[in-house]
Amino acid sequence: MSDINASMTINDVVNKHPHTMKIFSKYQLDTCCGGHQEIDVAAKLYGADLELLMKELDEVIRSGK
């Protein structure tokens, strides 16, 4: 498991792990003006599957790509 959780803001995750931006973009989650939202809140607002999103974020963080 990576060092992120669903209560972190999108900006916090992107600042710590810039390569996660591609996952947020895939789910059409705003990494700019809306990046202040917590991952779980943004996922709910935009209809993203939180469990799958967190899994993909974890995978990209662990792979470093």
PDB file of N, CA and C in Angstrom:
ATOM      1  N   MET A   1       0.844  -1.179   0.000  1.00  0.00           N
ATOM      2  CA  MET A   1       0.000   0.000   0.000  1.00  0.00           C
ATOM      3  C   MET A   1       0.891   1.244   0.000  1.00  0.00           C
ATOM      4  N   SER A   2       0.475   2.244  -0.747  1.00  0.00           N
ATOM      5  CA  SER A   2       1.253   3.475  -0.836  1.00  0.00           C
ATOM      6  C   SER A   2       0.977   4.379   0.364  1.00  0.00           C
ATOM      7  N   ASP A   3       1.601   5.545   0.328  1.00  0.00           N
ATOM      8  CA  ASP A   3       1.486   6.484   1.438  1.00  0.00           C
ATOM      9  C   ASP A   3       0.374   7.519   1.237  1.00  0.00           C
ATOM     10  N   ILE A   4      -0.635   7.175   0.451  1.00  0.00           N
ATOM     11  CA  ILE A   4      -1.760   8.088   0.248  1.00  0.00           C
ATOM     12  C   ILE A   4      -3.041   7.453   0.766  1.00  0.00           C
ATOM     13  N   ASN A   5      -4.037   8.312   0.990  1.00  0.00           N
ATOM     14  CA  ASN A   5      -5.343   7.805   1.385  1.00  0.00           C
ATOM     15  C   ASN A   5      -6.410   8.704   0.776  1.00  0.00           C
ATOM     16  N   ALA A   6      -7.638   8.245   0.787  1.00  0.00           N
ATOM     17  CA  ALA A   6      -8.745   8.919   0.113  1.00  0.00           C
ATOM     18  C   ALA A   6      -9.114  10.264   0.735  1.00  0.00           C
ATOM     19  N   SER A   7      -8.658  10.535   1.941  1.00  0.00           N
ATOM     20  CA  SER A   7      -8.976  11.818   2.558  1.00  0.00           C
ATOM     21  C   SER A   7      -7.946  12.900   2.225  1.00  0.00           C
ATOM     22  N   MET A   8      -6.902  12.539   1.485  1.00  0.00           N
ATOM     23  CA  MET A   8      -5.914  13.528   1.040  1.00  0.00           C
ATOM     24  C   MET A   8      -6.494  14.320  -0.127  1.00  0.00           C
ATOM     25  N   THR A   9      -6.032  15.545  -0.288  1.00  0.00           N
ATOM     26  CA  THR A   9      -6.485  16.319  -1.437  1.00  0.00           C
ATOM     27  C   THR A   9      -5.750  15.849  -2.690  1.00  0.00           C
ATOM     28  N   ILE A  10      -6.384  16.080  -3.812  1.00  0.00           N
ATOM     29  CA  ILE A  10      -5.761  15.729  -5.088  1.00  0.00           C
ATOM     30  C   ILE A  10      -4.424  16.457  -5.216  1.00  0.00           C
ATOM     31  N   ASN A  11      -4.391  17.750  -4.886  1.00  0.00           N
ATOM     32  CA  ASN A  11      -3.147  18.520  -4.983  1.00  0.00           C
ATOM     33  C   ASN A  11      -2.043  17.949  -4.109  1.00  0.00           C
ATOM     34  N   ASP A  12      -2.373  17.495  -2.906  1.00  0.00           N
ATOM     35  CA  ASP A  12      -1.358  16.907  -2.031  1.00  0.00           C
ATOM     36  C   ASP A  12      -0.735  15.677  -2.677  1.00  0.00           C
ATOM     37  N   VAL A  13      -1.571  14.856  -3.283  1.00  0.00           N
ATOM     38  CA  VAL A  13      -1.069  13.636  -3.922  1.00  0.00           C
ATOM     39  C   VAL A  13      -0.218  13.979  -5.142  1.00  0.00           C
ATOM     40  N   VAL A  14      -0.710  14.892  -5.983  1.00  0.00           N
ATOM     41  CA  VAL A  14       0.032  15.270  -7.195  1.00  0.00           C
ATOM     42  C   VAL A  14       1.356  15.946  -6.834  1.00  0.00           C
ATOM     43  N   ASN A  15       1.360  16.764  -5.806  1.00  0.00           N
ATOM     44  CA  ASN A  15       2.611  17.414  -5.373  1.00  0.00           C
ATOM     45  C   ASN A  15       3.628  16.387  -4.889  1.00  0.00           C
ATOM     46  N   LYS A  16       3.161  15.375  -4.208  1.00  0.00           N
ATOM     47  CA  LYS A  16       4.051  14.337  -3.668  1.00  0.00           C
ATOM     48  C   LYS A  16       4.441  13.322  -4.741  1.00  0.00           C
ATOM     49  N   HIS A  17       3.507  13.023  -5.644  1.00  0.00           N
ATOM     50  CA  HIS A  17       3.712  12.012  -6.687  1.00  0.00           C
ATOM     51  C   HIS A  17       3.195  12.562  -8.016  1.00  0.00           C
ATOM     52  N   PRO A  18       3.973  13.400  -8.699  1.00  0.00           N
ATOM     53  CA  PRO A  18       3.503  14.051  -9.926  1.00  0.00           C
ATOM     54  C   PRO A  18       3.000  13.087 -11.002  1.00  0.00           C
ATOM     55  N   HIS A  19       3.538  11.883 -11.045  1.00  0.00           N
ATOM     56  CA  HIS A  19       3.126  10.912 -12.060  1.00  0.00           C
ATOM     57  C   HIS A  19       1.702  10.390 -11.856  1.00  0.00           C
ATOM     58  N   THR A  20       1.060  10.749 -10.735  1.00  0.00           N
ATOM     59  CA  THR A  20      -0.334  10.346 -10.521  1.00  0.00           C
ATOM     60  C   THR A  20      -1.309  11.214 -11.313  1.00  0.00           C
ATOM     61  N   MET A  21      -0.820  12.321 -11.854  1.00  0.00           N
ATOM     62  CA  MET A  21      -1.702  13.226 -12.592  1.00  0.00           C
ATOM     63  C   MET A  21      -2.410  12.490 -13.734  1.00  0.00           C
ATOM     64  N   LYS A  22      -1.719  11.535 -14.364  1.00  0.00           N
ATOM     65  CA  LYS A  22      -2.348  10.810 -15.478  1.00  0.00           C
ATOM     66  C   LYS A  22      -3.546   9.984 -15.005  1.00  0.00           C
ATOM     67  N   ILE A  23      -3.521   9.500 -13.784  1.00  0.00           N
ATOM     68  CA  ILE A  23      -4.653   8.728 -13.260  1.00  0.00           C
ATOM     69  C   ILE A  23      -5.823   9.669 -12.965  1.00  0.00           C
ATOM     70  N   PHE A  24      -5.540  10.794 -12.342  1.00  0.00           N
ATOM     71  CA  PHE A  24      -6.611  11.763 -12.079  1.00  0.00           C
ATOM     72  C   PHE A  24      -7.230  12.238 -13.392  1.00  0.00           C
ATOM     73  N   SER A  25      -6.398  12.456 -14.396  1.00  0.00           N
ATOM     74  CA  SER A  25      -6.904  12.877 -15.718  1.00  0.00           C
ATOM     75  C   SER A  25      -7.767  11.784 -16.347  1.00  0.00           C
ATOM     76  N   LYS A  26      -7.348  10.546 -16.199  1.00  0.00           N
ATOM     77  CA  LYS A  26      -8.118   9.415 -16.734  1.00  0.00           C
ATOM     78  C   LYS A  26      -9.542   9.421 -16.173  1.00  0.00           C
ATOM     79  N   TYR A  27      -9.669   9.762 -14.910  1.00  0.00           N
ATOM     80  CA  TYR A  27     -10.979   9.798 -14.248  1.00  0.00           C
ATOM     81  C   TYR A  27     -11.635  11.179 -14.345  1.00  0.00           C
ATOM     82  N   GLN A  28     -11.010  12.071 -15.089  1.00  0.00           N
ATOM     83  CA  GLN A  28     -11.501  13.435 -15.291  1.00  0.00           C
ATOM     84  C   GLN A  28     -11.695  14.186 -13.976  1.00  0.00           C
ATOM     85  N   LEU A  29     -10.758  13.970 -13.058  1.00  0.00           N
ATOM     86  CA  LEU A  29     -10.774  14.676 -11.785  1.00  0.00           C
ATOM     87  C   LEU A  29      -9.838  15.873 -11.896  1.00  0.00           C
ATOM     88  N   ASP A  30     -10.321  17.024 -11.539  1.00  0.00           N
ATOM     89  CA  ASP A  30      -9.614  18.287 -11.696  1.00  0.00           C
ATOM     90  C   ASP A  30      -8.370  18.344 -10.809  1.00  0.00           C
ATOM     91  N   THR A  31      -7.211  18.533 -11.439  1.00  0.00           N
ATOM     92  CA  THR A  31      -5.962  18.656 -10.685  1.00  0.00           C
ATOM     93  C   THR A  31      -5.511  20.109 -10.600  1.00  0.00           C
ATOM     94  N   CYS A  32      -6.342  21.011 -11.055  1.00  0.00           N
ATOM     95  CA  CYS A  32      -6.003  22.440 -11.035  1.00  0.00           C
ATOM     96  C   CYS A  32      -6.883  23.138  -9.990  1.00  0.00           C
ATOM     97  N   CYS A  33      -7.907  23.769 -10.449  1.00  0.00           N
ATOM     98  CA  CYS A  33      -8.788  24.534  -9.552  1.00  0.00           C
ATOM     99  C   CYS A  33      -9.544  23.640  -8.571  1.00  0.00           C
ATOM    100  N   GLY A  34      -9.867  22.424  -8.999  1.00  0.00           N
ATOM    101  CA  GLY A  34     -10.587  21.499  -8.129  1.00  0.00           C
ATOM    102  C   GLY A  34      -9.670  20.597  -7.326  1.00  0.00           C
ATOM    103  N   GLY A  35      -8.360  20.796  -7.472  1.00  0.00           N
ATOM    104  CA  GLY A  35      -7.390  19.943  -6.796  1.00  0.00           C
ATOM    105  C   GLY A  35      -7.369  20.078  -5.289  1.00  0.00           C
ATOM    106  N   HIS A  36      -8.088  21.060  -4.779  1.00  0.00           N
ATOM    107  CA  HIS A  36      -8.159  21.249  -3.326  1.00  0.00           C
ATOM    108  C   HIS A  36      -9.115  20.256  -2.670  1.00  0.00           C
ATOM    109  N   GLN A  37      -9.858  19.516  -3.486  1.00  0.00           N
ATOM    110  CA  GLN A  37     -10.829  18.558  -2.934  1.00  0.00           C
ATOM    111  C   GLN A  37     -10.142  17.266  -2.502  1.00  0.00           C
ATOM    112  N   GLU A  38     -10.714  16.647  -1.497  1.00  0.00           N
ATOM    113  CA  GLU A  38     -10.241  15.338  -1.082  1.00  0.00           C
ATOM    114  C   GLU A  38     -10.589  14.334  -2.188  1.00  0.00           C
ATOM    115  N   ILE A  39      -9.779  13.310  -2.314  1.00  0.00           N
ATOM    116  CA  ILE A  39      -9.982  12.311  -3.368  1.00  0.00           C
ATOM    117  C   ILE A  39     -11.372  11.692  -3.268  1.00  0.00           C
ATOM    118  N   ASP A  40     -11.785  11.314  -2.067  1.00  0.00           N
ATOM    119  CA  ASP A  40     -13.089  10.663  -1.920  1.00  0.00           C
ATOM    120  C   ASP A  40     -14.239  11.597  -2.293  1.00  0.00           C
ATOM    121  N   VAL A  41     -14.123  12.873  -1.954  1.00  0.00           N
ATOM    122  CA  VAL A  41     -15.164  13.843  -2.291  1.00  0.00           C
ATOM    123  C   VAL A  41     -15.226  14.048  -3.800  1.00  0.00           C
ATOM    124  N   ALA A  42     -14.060  14.224  -4.430  1.00  0.00           N
ATOM    125  CA  ALA A  42     -14.014  14.429  -5.878  1.00  0.00           C
ATOM    126  C   ALA A  42     -14.545  13.205  -6.617  1.00  0.00           C
ATOM    127  N   ALA A  43     -14.187  12.020  -6.156  1.00  0.00           N
ATOM    128  CA  ALA A  43     -14.662  10.800  -6.806  1.00  0.00           C
ATOM    129  C   ALA A  43     -16.185  10.719  -6.762  1.00  0.00           C
ATOM    130  N   LYS A  44     -16.746  11.052  -5.622  1.00  0.00           N
ATOM    131  CA  LYS A  44     -18.206  11.026  -5.492  1.00  0.00           C
ATOM    132  C   LYS A  44     -18.855  12.063  -6.400  1.00  0.00           C
ATOM    133  N   LEU A  45     -18.302  13.277  -6.421  1.00  0.00           N
ATOM    134  CA  LEU A  45     -18.859  14.350  -7.248  1.00  0.00           C
ATOM    135  C   LEU A  45     -18.832  14.018  -8.736  1.00  0.00           C
ATOM    136  N   TYR A  46     -17.774  13.349  -9.176  1.00  0.00           N
ATOM    137  CA  TYR A  46     -17.607  13.073 -10.597  1.00  0.00           C
ATOM    138  C   TYR A  46     -17.963  11.637 -10.986  1.00  0.00           C
ATOM    139  N   GLY A  47     -18.495  10.879 -10.050  1.00  0.00           N
ATOM    140  CA  GLY A  47     -18.962   9.534 -10.346  1.00  0.00           C
ATOM    141  C   GLY A  47     -17.858   8.520 -10.614  1.00  0.00           C
ATOM    142  N   ALA A  48     -16.688   8.751 -10.038  1.00  0.00           N
ATOM    143  CA  ALA A  48     -15.574   7.817 -10.212  1.00  0.00           C
ATOM    144  C   ALA A  48     -15.649   6.714  -9.161  1.00  0.00           C
ATOM    145  N   ASP A  49     -15.221   5.533  -9.546  1.00  0.00           N
ATOM    146  CA  ASP A  49     -15.168   4.388  -8.632  1.00  0.00           C
ATOM    147  C   ASP A  49     -13.971   4.594  -7.701  1.00  0.00           C
ATOM    148  N   LEU A  50     -14.227   4.955  -6.455  1.00  0.00           N
ATOM    149  CA  LEU A  50     -13.166   5.292  -5.507  1.00  0.00           C
ATOM    150  C   LEU A  50     -12.204   4.128  -5.287  1.00  0.00           C
ATOM    151  N   GLU A  51     -12.734   2.939  -5.126  1.00  0.00           N
ATOM    152  CA  GLU A  51     -11.878   1.781  -4.872  1.00  0.00           C
ATOM    153  C   GLU A  51     -10.916   1.536  -6.039  1.00  0.00           C
ATOM    154  N   LEU A  52     -11.429   1.603  -7.250  1.00  0.00           N
ATOM    155  CA  LEU A  52     -10.591   1.406  -8.433  1.00  0.00           C
ATOM    156  C   LEU A  52      -9.595   2.555  -8.589  1.00  0.00           C
ATOM    157  N   LEU A  53     -10.037   3.768  -8.367  1.00  0.00           N
ATOM    158  CA  LEU A  53      -9.161   4.934  -8.439  1.00  0.00           C
ATOM    159  C   LEU A  53      -7.993   4.788  -7.467  1.00  0.00           C
ATOM    160  N   MET A  54      -8.274   4.448  -6.222  1.00  0.00           N
ATOM    161  CA  MET A  54      -7.219   4.295  -5.220  1.00  0.00           C
ATOM    162  C   MET A  54      -6.266   3.165  -5.587  1.00  0.00           C
ATOM    163  N   LYS A  55      -6.811   2.087  -6.150  1.00  0.00           N
ATOM    164  CA  LYS A  55      -5.964   0.969  -6.575  1.00  0.00           C
ATOM    165  C   LYS A  55      -5.004   1.419  -7.681  1.00  0.00           C
ATOM    166  N   GLU A  56      -5.520   2.153  -8.652  1.00  0.00           N
ATOM    167  CA  GLU A  56      -4.681   2.619  -9.752  1.00  0.00           C
ATOM    168  C   GLU A  56      -3.652   3.644  -9.282  1.00  0.00           C
ATOM    169  N   LEU A  57      -4.033   4.515  -8.376  1.00  0.00           N
ATOM    170  CA  LEU A  57      -3.070   5.463  -7.816  1.00  0.00           C
ATOM    171  C   LEU A  57      -1.959   4.726  -7.086  1.00  0.00           C
ATOM    172  N   ASP A  58      -2.329   3.739  -6.290  1.00  0.00           N
ATOM    173  CA  ASP A  58      -1.350   2.943  -5.556  1.00  0.00           C
ATOM    174  C   ASP A  58      -0.395   2.253  -6.527  1.00  0.00           C
ATOM    175  N   GLU A  59      -0.934   1.679  -7.599  1.00  0.00           N
ATOM    176  CA  GLU A  59      -0.092   0.974  -8.566  1.00  0.00           C
ATOM    177  C   GLU A  59       0.898   1.914  -9.252  1.00  0.00           C
ATOM    178  N   VAL A  60       0.435   3.091  -9.652  1.00  0.00           N
ATOM    179  CA  VAL A  60       1.333   4.023 -10.346  1.00  0.00           C
ATOM    180  C   VAL A  60       2.380   4.581  -9.382  1.00  0.00           C
ATOM    181  N   ILE A  61       2.025   4.765  -8.134  1.00  0.00           N
ATOM    182  CA  ILE A  61       2.997   5.240  -7.142  1.00  0.00           C
ATOM    183  C   ILE A  61       4.049   4.170  -6.902  1.00  0.00           C
ATOM    184  N   ARG A  62       3.618   2.937  -6.720  1.00  0.00           N
ATOM    185  CA  ARG A  62       4.570   1.856  -6.462  1.00  0.00           C
ATOM    186  C   ARG A  62       5.481   1.594  -7.662  1.00  0.00           C
ATOM    187  N   SER A  63       4.954   1.760  -8.876  1.00  0.00           N
ATOM    188  CA  SER A  63       5.766   1.508 -10.066  1.00  0.00           C
ATOM    189  C   SER A  63       6.696   2.686 -10.376  1.00  0.00           C
ATOM    190  N   GLY A  64       6.334   3.874  -9.880  1.00  0.00           N
ATOM    191  CA  GLY A  64       7.141   5.055 -10.141  1.00  0.00           C
ATOM    192  C   GLY A  64       6.987   5.593 -11.557  1.00  0.00           C
ATOM    193  N   LYS A  65       5.989   5.111 -12.278  1.00  0.00           N
ATOM    194  CA  LYS A  65       5.790   5.530 -13.680  1.00  0.00           C
ATOM    195  C   LYS A  65       4.470   6.246 -13.849  1.00  0.00           C
TER     196      LYS A  65
END
